[in-house]
Amino acid sequence: MPINYYQSIFYLSMLFFLTGCGQMGPLYLPDQKPSVYIPHHFAKPSS
């Protein structure tokens, strides 16, 4: 086989991950940048 089994699983999961992020992207992108709200939300949970 030219394609590995685990390699195909890896690419398939990457494809699902990227399409999932692409669908959820437009929902929060206009309001907040992803690189801003993710660290800010998890950086200070106590405060």
Protein backbone atom coordinates (compact mmCIF):
# COMPACT_ATOMS: atom_id res chain seq x y z
CA MET A 1 0.00 0.00 0.00
CA PRO A 2 1.37 3.44 -0.91
CA ILE A 3 -0.65 5.13 1.82
CA ASN A 4 -0.24 4.22 5.48
CA TYR A 5 -3.32 3.43 7.54
CA TYR A 6 -2.41 5.77 10.38
CA GLN A 7 -1.33 8.44 7.89
CA SER A 8 -4.74 8.35 6.19
CA ILE A 9 -6.42 8.57 9.60
CA PHE A 10 -4.21 11.54 10.46
CA TYR A 11 -5.05 13.42 7.27
CA LEU A 12 -8.73 12.59 7.63
CA SER A 13 -8.84 13.93 11.19
CA MET A 14 -6.94 17.03 10.07
CA LEU A 15 -9.49 17.54 7.30
CA PHE A 16 -12.41 17.27 9.74
CA PHE A 17 -10.62 19.60 12.17
CA LEU A 18 -9.97 22.26 9.53
CA THR A 19 -13.51 22.12 8.15
CA GLY A 20 -14.90 22.35 11.69
CA CYS A 21 -12.81 25.43 12.41
CA GLY A 22 -13.80 26.90 9.05
CA GLN A 23 -17.49 26.56 9.87
CA MET A 24 -17.15 28.02 13.36
CA GLY A 25 -14.72 30.73 12.21
CA PRO A 26 -17.20 33.28 10.76
CA LEU A 27 -19.27 33.10 13.96
CA TYR A 28 -16.70 34.70 16.27
CA LEU A 29 -14.23 36.22 13.78
CA PRO A 30 -16.11 39.52 13.21
CA ASP A 31 -16.48 40.09 16.97
CA GLN A 32 -13.14 38.94 18.37
CA LYS A 33 -9.88 37.62 16.96
CA PRO A 34 -9.20 33.94 17.76
CA SER A 35 -5.67 34.70 18.98
CA VAL A 36 -7.09 37.23 21.46
CA TYR A 37 -10.10 35.55 23.06
CA ILE A 38 -8.55 32.10 23.54
CA PRO A 39 -5.55 33.10 25.75
CA HIS A 40 -7.59 35.80 27.52
CA HIS A 41 -10.31 33.28 28.42
CA PHE A 42 -7.95 30.57 29.70
CA ALA A 43 -5.13 32.75 31.06
CA LYS A 44 -6.94 34.10 34.13
CA PRO A 45 -9.76 31.73 35.20
CA SER A 46 -9.56 32.78 38.87
CA SER A 47 -9.85 36.53 38.22
